[in-house]
Amino acid sequence: MDEDVDEDLPRSIGRPATSALRHVGYTRLEQLDGVPARDLLALHGVGPKAVRLLGEALAARGMRLG
């Protein structure tokens, strides 16, 4: 079974950030709408670059980090 079927997190954020987000239950970009950037930065493996890229991906869909 392919784990990525129901995921749409940008690959550009990197494997550590993707793994950290999956670990806490985030598998889809829209789940991050309104989540404070500081909460994401507190996750081991999620750095400023990943947060910036997630913010850009969200903005392209009319959403944003909190």
PDB file of N, CA and C in Angstrom:
ATOM      1  N   MET A   1       0.848  -1.193   0.000  1.00  0.00           N
ATOM      2  CA  MET A   1       0.000   0.000   0.000  1.00  0.00           C
ATOM      3  C   MET A   1       0.881   1.240   0.000  1.00  0.00           C
ATOM      4  N   ASP A   2       0.543   2.214  -0.811  1.00  0.00           N
ATOM      5  CA  ASP A   2       1.335   3.435  -0.945  1.00  0.00           C
ATOM      6  C   ASP A   2       0.923   4.452   0.101  1.00  0.00           C
ATOM      7  N   GLU A   3       1.839   4.795   1.011  1.00  0.00           N
ATOM      8  CA  GLU A   3       1.540   5.749   2.082  1.00  0.00           C
ATOM      9  C   GLU A   3       1.231   7.142   1.566  1.00  0.00           C
ATOM     10  N   ASP A   4       1.760   7.495   0.400  1.00  0.00           N
ATOM     11  CA  ASP A   4       1.653   8.867  -0.090  1.00  0.00           C
ATOM     12  C   ASP A   4       0.343   9.170  -0.809  1.00  0.00           C
ATOM     13  N   VAL A   5      -0.543   8.200  -0.941  1.00  0.00           N
ATOM     14  CA  VAL A   5      -1.775   8.398  -1.689  1.00  0.00           C
ATOM     15  C   VAL A   5      -2.604   9.553  -1.137  1.00  0.00           C
ATOM     16  N   ASP A   6      -2.714   9.639   0.174  1.00  0.00           N
ATOM     17  CA  ASP A   6      -3.546  10.678   0.776  1.00  0.00           C
ATOM     18  C   ASP A   6      -2.714  11.791   1.395  1.00  0.00           C
ATOM     19  N   GLU A   7      -1.550  12.021   0.838  1.00  0.00           N
ATOM     20  CA  GLU A   7      -0.682  13.092   1.335  1.00  0.00           C
ATOM     21  C   GLU A   7      -0.380  14.081   0.221  1.00  0.00           C
ATOM     22  N   ASP A   8      -0.282  15.342   0.596  1.00  0.00           N
ATOM     23  CA  ASP A   8       0.096  16.335  -0.415  1.00  0.00           C
ATOM     24  C   ASP A   8       1.074  17.368   0.140  1.00  0.00           C
ATOM     25  N   LEU A   9       1.835  16.985   1.158  1.00  0.00           N
ATOM     26  CA  LEU A   9       2.849  17.892   1.690  1.00  0.00           C
ATOM     27  C   LEU A   9       3.921  18.086   0.616  1.00  0.00           C
ATOM     28  N   PRO A  10       4.411  19.303   0.452  1.00  0.00           N
ATOM     29  CA  PRO A  10       5.428  19.549  -0.586  1.00  0.00           C
ATOM     30  C   PRO A  10       6.699  18.739  -0.323  1.00  0.00           C
ATOM     31  N   ARG A  11       7.197  18.064  -1.342  1.00  0.00           N
ATOM     32  CA  ARG A  11       8.431  17.296  -1.209  1.00  0.00           C
ATOM     33  C   ARG A  11       9.614  18.209  -0.895  1.00  0.00           C
ATOM     34  N   SER A  12       9.519  19.459  -1.301  1.00  0.00           N
ATOM     35  CA  SER A  12      10.629  20.398  -1.121  1.00  0.00           C
ATOM     36  C   SER A  12      10.958  20.684   0.341  1.00  0.00           C
ATOM     37  N   ILE A  13      10.050  20.353   1.268  1.00  0.00           N
ATOM     38  CA  ILE A  13      10.334  20.619   2.685  1.00  0.00           C
ATOM     39  C   ILE A  13      11.355  19.638   3.253  1.00  0.00           C
ATOM     40  N   GLY A  14      11.560  18.526   2.568  1.00  0.00           N
ATOM     41  CA  GLY A  14      12.564  17.559   2.999  1.00  0.00           C
ATOM     42  C   GLY A  14      11.982  16.432   3.833  1.00  0.00           C
ATOM     43  N   ARG A  15      12.726  15.352   3.877  1.00  0.00           N
ATOM     44  CA  ARG A  15      12.274  14.150   4.590  1.00  0.00           C
ATOM     45  C   ARG A  15      12.147  14.361   6.099  1.00  0.00           C
ATOM     46  N   PRO A  16      13.106  15.025   6.770  1.00  0.00           N
ATOM     47  CA  PRO A  16      12.945  15.197   8.226  1.00  0.00           C
ATOM     48  C   PRO A  16      11.678  15.975   8.595  1.00  0.00           C
ATOM     49  N   ALA A  17      11.395  17.031   7.854  1.00  0.00           N
ATOM     50  CA  ALA A  17      10.199  17.828   8.143  1.00  0.00           C
ATOM     51  C   ALA A  17       8.938  17.033   7.836  1.00  0.00           C
ATOM     52  N   THR A  18       8.942  16.314   6.728  1.00  0.00           N
ATOM     53  CA  THR A  18       7.782  15.496   6.376  1.00  0.00           C
ATOM     54  C   THR A  18       7.526  14.450   7.444  1.00  0.00           C
ATOM     55  N   SER A  19       8.568  13.796   7.899  1.00  0.00           N
ATOM     56  CA  SER A  19       8.428  12.774   8.946  1.00  0.00           C
ATOM     57  C   SER A  19       7.907  13.378  10.248  1.00  0.00           C
ATOM     58  N   ALA A  20       8.421  14.544  10.604  1.00  0.00           N
ATOM     59  CA  ALA A  20       7.977  15.208  11.838  1.00  0.00           C
ATOM     60  C   ALA A  20       6.499  15.566  11.753  1.00  0.00           C
ATOM     61  N   LEU A  21       6.075  16.077  10.608  1.00  0.00           N
ATOM     62  CA  LEU A  21       4.666  16.437  10.438  1.00  0.00           C
ATOM     63  C   LEU A  21       3.778  15.205  10.476  1.00  0.00           C
ATOM     64  N   ARG A  22       4.194  14.142   9.795  1.00  0.00           N
ATOM     65  CA  ARG A  22       3.427  12.888   9.819  1.00  0.00           C
ATOM     66  C   ARG A  22       3.299  12.360  11.250  1.00  0.00           C
ATOM     67  N   HIS A  23       4.384  12.453  11.994  1.00  0.00           N
ATOM     68  CA  HIS A  23       4.409  11.916  13.363  1.00  0.00           C
ATOM     69  C   HIS A  23       3.328  12.543  14.242  1.00  0.00           C
ATOM     70  N   VAL A  24       3.034  13.811  14.017  1.00  0.00           N
ATOM     71  CA  VAL A  24       1.999  14.483  14.817  1.00  0.00           C
ATOM     72  C   VAL A  24       0.641  14.532  14.104  1.00  0.00           C
ATOM     73  N   GLY A  25       0.539  13.838  12.972  1.00  0.00           N
ATOM     74  CA  GLY A  25      -0.762  13.692  12.326  1.00  0.00           C
ATOM     75  C   GLY A  25      -1.053  14.575  11.133  1.00  0.00           C
ATOM     76  N   TYR A  26      -0.097  15.383  10.703  1.00  0.00           N
ATOM     77  CA  TYR A  26      -0.319  16.230   9.536  1.00  0.00           C
ATOM     78  C   TYR A  26       0.132  15.489   8.283  1.00  0.00           C
ATOM     79  N   THR A  27      -0.809  15.210   7.389  1.00  0.00           N
ATOM     80  CA  THR A  27      -0.470  14.534   6.136  1.00  0.00           C
ATOM     81  C   THR A  27      -0.931  15.326   4.917  1.00  0.00           C
ATOM     82  N   ARG A  28      -1.793  16.313   5.145  1.00  0.00           N
ATOM     83  CA  ARG A  28      -2.320  17.121   4.044  1.00  0.00           C
ATOM     84  C   ARG A  28      -2.058  18.595   4.332  1.00  0.00           C
ATOM     85  N   LEU A  29      -1.763  19.313   3.289  1.00  0.00           N
ATOM     86  CA  LEU A  29      -1.429  20.729   3.418  1.00  0.00           C
ATOM     87  C   LEU A  29      -2.538  21.528   4.105  1.00  0.00           C
ATOM     88  N   GLU A  30      -3.793  21.259   3.765  1.00  0.00           N
ATOM     89  CA  GLU A  30      -4.884  22.050   4.343  1.00  0.00           C
ATOM     90  C   GLU A  30      -5.002  21.868   5.856  1.00  0.00           C
ATOM     91  N   GLN A  31      -4.443  20.796   6.405  1.00  0.00           N
ATOM     92  CA  GLN A  31      -4.462  20.609   7.854  1.00  0.00           C
ATOM     93  C   GLN A  31      -3.592  21.646   8.564  1.00  0.00           C
ATOM     94  N   LEU A  32      -2.689  22.266   7.837  1.00  0.00           N
ATOM     95  CA  LEU A  32      -1.781  23.255   8.427  1.00  0.00           C
ATOM     96  C   LEU A  32      -2.337  24.672   8.387  1.00  0.00           C
ATOM     97  N   ASP A  33      -3.482  24.865   7.738  1.00  0.00           N
ATOM     98  CA  ASP A  33      -4.086  26.189   7.658  1.00  0.00           C
ATOM     99  C   ASP A  33      -4.400  26.688   9.066  1.00  0.00           C
ATOM    100  N   GLY A  34      -3.794  27.804   9.433  1.00  0.00           N
ATOM    101  CA  GLY A  34      -4.025  28.404  10.746  1.00  0.00           C
ATOM    102  C   GLY A  34      -3.116  27.917  11.855  1.00  0.00           C
ATOM    103  N   VAL A  35      -2.299  26.903  11.586  1.00  0.00           N
ATOM    104  CA  VAL A  35      -1.373  26.398  12.605  1.00  0.00           C
ATOM    105  C   VAL A  35      -0.250  27.419  12.775  1.00  0.00           C
ATOM    106  N   PRO A  36       0.038  27.835  14.000  1.00  0.00           N
ATOM    107  CA  PRO A  36       1.117  28.811  14.210  1.00  0.00           C
ATOM    108  C   PRO A  36       2.473  28.270  13.756  1.00  0.00           C
ATOM    109  N   ALA A  37       3.225  29.098  13.061  1.00  0.00           N
ATOM    110  CA  ALA A  37       4.561  28.714  12.591  1.00  0.00           C
ATOM    111  C   ALA A  37       5.426  28.274  13.760  1.00  0.00           C
ATOM    112  N   ARG A  38       5.286  28.917  14.910  1.00  0.00           N
ATOM    113  CA  ARG A  38       6.117  28.553  16.072  1.00  0.00           C
ATOM    114  C   ARG A  38       5.839  27.124  16.520  1.00  0.00           C
ATOM    115  N   ASP A  39       4.601  26.648  16.345  1.00  0.00           N
ATOM    116  CA  ASP A  39       4.282  25.263  16.702  1.00  0.00           C
ATOM    117  C   ASP A  39       5.005  24.291  15.775  1.00  0.00           C
ATOM    118  N   LEU A  40       5.081  24.641  14.501  1.00  0.00           N
ATOM    119  CA  LEU A  40       5.780  23.783  13.537  1.00  0.00           C
ATOM    120  C   LEU A  40       7.281  23.801  13.808  1.00  0.00           C
ATOM    121  N   LEU A  41       7.810  24.982  14.104  1.00  0.00           N
ATOM    122  CA  LEU A  41       9.244  25.104  14.384  1.00  0.00           C
ATOM    123  C   LEU A  41       9.652  24.335  15.642  1.00  0.00           C
ATOM    124  N   ALA A  42       8.704  24.083  16.527  1.00  0.00           N
ATOM    125  CA  ALA A  42       8.994  23.339  17.751  1.00  0.00           C
ATOM    126  C   ALA A  42       9.168  21.838  17.484  1.00  0.00           C
ATOM    127  N   LEU A  43       8.765  21.388  16.301  1.00  0.00           N
ATOM    128  CA  LEU A  43       8.895  19.972  15.960  1.00  0.00           C
ATOM    129  C   LEU A  43      10.322  19.682  15.508  1.00  0.00           C
ATOM    130  N   HIS A  44      10.901  18.626  16.054  1.00  0.00           N
ATOM    131  CA  HIS A  44      12.253  18.227  15.667  1.00  0.00           C
ATOM    132  C   HIS A  44      12.240  17.824  14.195  1.00  0.00           C
ATOM    133  N   GLY A  45      13.046  18.501  13.391  1.00  0.00           N
ATOM    134  CA  GLY A  45      13.119  18.211  11.962  1.00  0.00           C
ATOM    135  C   GLY A  45      12.483  19.286  11.098  1.00  0.00           C
ATOM    136  N   VAL A  46      11.727  20.186  11.716  1.00  0.00           N
ATOM    137  CA  VAL A  46      11.087  21.266  10.963  1.00  0.00           C
ATOM    138  C   VAL A  46      11.840  22.558  11.246  1.00  0.00           C
ATOM    139  N   GLY A  47      12.454  23.116  10.218  1.00  0.00           N
ATOM    140  CA  GLY A  47      13.214  24.342  10.376  1.00  0.00           C
ATOM    141  C   GLY A  47      12.582  25.501   9.635  1.00  0.00           C
ATOM    142  N   PRO A  48      13.234  26.650   9.677  1.00  0.00           N
ATOM    143  CA  PRO A  48      12.702  27.853   9.031  1.00  0.00           C
ATOM    144  C   PRO A  48      12.447  27.685   7.526  1.00  0.00           C
ATOM    145  N   LYS A  49      13.323  26.956   6.839  1.00  0.00           N
ATOM    146  CA  LYS A  49      13.126  26.764   5.399  1.00  0.00           C
ATOM    147  C   LYS A  49      11.846  25.978   5.132  1.00  0.00           C
ATOM    148  N   ALA A  50      11.621  24.904   5.883  1.00  0.00           N
ATOM    149  CA  ALA A  50      10.406  24.099   5.703  1.00  0.00           C
ATOM    150  C   ALA A  50       9.164  24.932   5.998  1.00  0.00           C
ATOM    151  N   VAL A  51       9.214  25.732   7.052  1.00  0.00           N
ATOM    152  CA  VAL A  51       8.065  26.577   7.404  1.00  0.00           C
ATOM    153  C   VAL A  51       7.805  27.598   6.292  1.00  0.00           C
ATOM    154  N   ARG A  52       8.860  28.176   5.747  1.00  0.00           N
ATOM    155  CA  ARG A  52       8.696  29.131   4.644  1.00  0.00           C
ATOM    156  C   ARG A  52       8.052  28.456   3.432  1.00  0.00           C
ATOM    157  N   LEU A  53       8.540  27.272   3.099  1.00  0.00           N
ATOM    158  CA  LEU A  53       7.997  26.552   1.942  1.00  0.00           C
ATOM    159  C   LEU A  53       6.549  26.121   2.168  1.00  0.00           C
ATOM    160  N   LEU A  54       6.243  25.716   3.373  1.00  0.00           N
ATOM    161  CA  LEU A  54       4.853  25.377   3.694  1.00  0.00           C
ATOM    162  C   LEU A  54       3.961  26.610   3.598  1.00  0.00           C
ATOM    163  N   GLY A  55       4.459  27.730   4.102  1.00  0.00           N
ATOM    164  CA  GLY A  55       3.704  28.979   4.012  1.00  0.00           C
ATOM    165  C   GLY A  55       3.437  29.382   2.573  1.00  0.00           C
ATOM    166  N   GLU A  56       4.423  29.214   1.721  1.00  0.00           N
ATOM    167  CA  GLU A  56       4.259  29.540   0.298  1.00  0.00           C
ATOM    168  C   GLU A  56       3.246  28.604  -0.365  1.00  0.00           C
ATOM    169  N   ALA A  57       3.318  27.321  -0.036  1.00  0.00           N
ATOM    170  CA  ALA A  57       2.376  26.350  -0.611  1.00  0.00           C
ATOM    171  C   ALA A  57       0.955  26.636  -0.148  1.00  0.00           C
ATOM    172  N   LEU A  58       0.811  26.983   1.116  1.00  0.00           N
ATOM    173  CA  LEU A  58      -0.510  27.337   1.629  1.00  0.00           C
ATOM    174  C   LEU A  58      -1.039  28.595   0.944  1.00  0.00           C
ATOM    175  N   ALA A  59      -0.190  29.608   0.807  1.00  0.00           N
ATOM    176  CA  ALA A  59      -0.613  30.867   0.187  1.00  0.00           C
ATOM    177  C   ALA A  59      -1.094  30.640  -1.247  1.00  0.00           C
ATOM    178  N   ALA A  60      -0.453  29.707  -1.954  1.00  0.00           N
ATOM    179  CA  ALA A  60      -0.872  29.406  -3.317  1.00  0.00           C
ATOM    180  C   ALA A  60      -2.277  28.830  -3.368  1.00  0.00           C
ATOM    181  N   ARG A  61      -2.752  28.327  -2.246  1.00  0.00           N
ATOM    182  CA  ARG A  61      -4.108  27.756  -2.157  1.00  0.00           C
ATOM    183  C   ARG A  61      -5.055  28.655  -1.374  1.00  0.00           C
ATOM    184  N   GLY A  62      -4.619  29.866  -1.072  1.00  0.00           N
ATOM    185  CA  GLY A  62      -5.468  30.806  -0.357  1.00  0.00           C
ATOM    186  C   GLY A  62      -5.552  30.546   1.138  1.00  0.00           C
ATOM    187  N   MET A  63      -4.560  29.853   1.675  1.00  0.00           N
ATOM    188  CA  MET A  63      -4.524  29.557   3.115  1.00  0.00           C
ATOM    189  C   MET A  63      -3.224  30.145   3.682  1.00  0.00           C
ATOM    190  N   ARG A  64      -3.088  30.048   5.015  1.00  0.00           N
ATOM    191  CA  ARG A  64      -1.853  30.545   5.609  1.00  0.00           C
ATOM    192  C   ARG A  64      -1.619  29.914   6.968  1.00  0.00           C
ATOM    193  N   LEU A  65      -0.379  30.006   7.410  1.00  0.00           N
ATOM    194  CA  LEU A  65      -0.052  29.588   8.767  1.00  0.00           C
ATOM    195  C   LEU A  65      -0.567  30.640   9.730  1.00  0.00           C
ATOM    196  N   GLY A  66      -0.821  30.233  10.957  1.00  0.00           N
ATOM    197  CA  GLY A  66      -1.354  31.154  11.961  1.00  0.00           C
ATOM    198  C   GLY A  66      -0.283  32.019  12.560  1.00  0.00           C
TER     199      GLY A  66
END
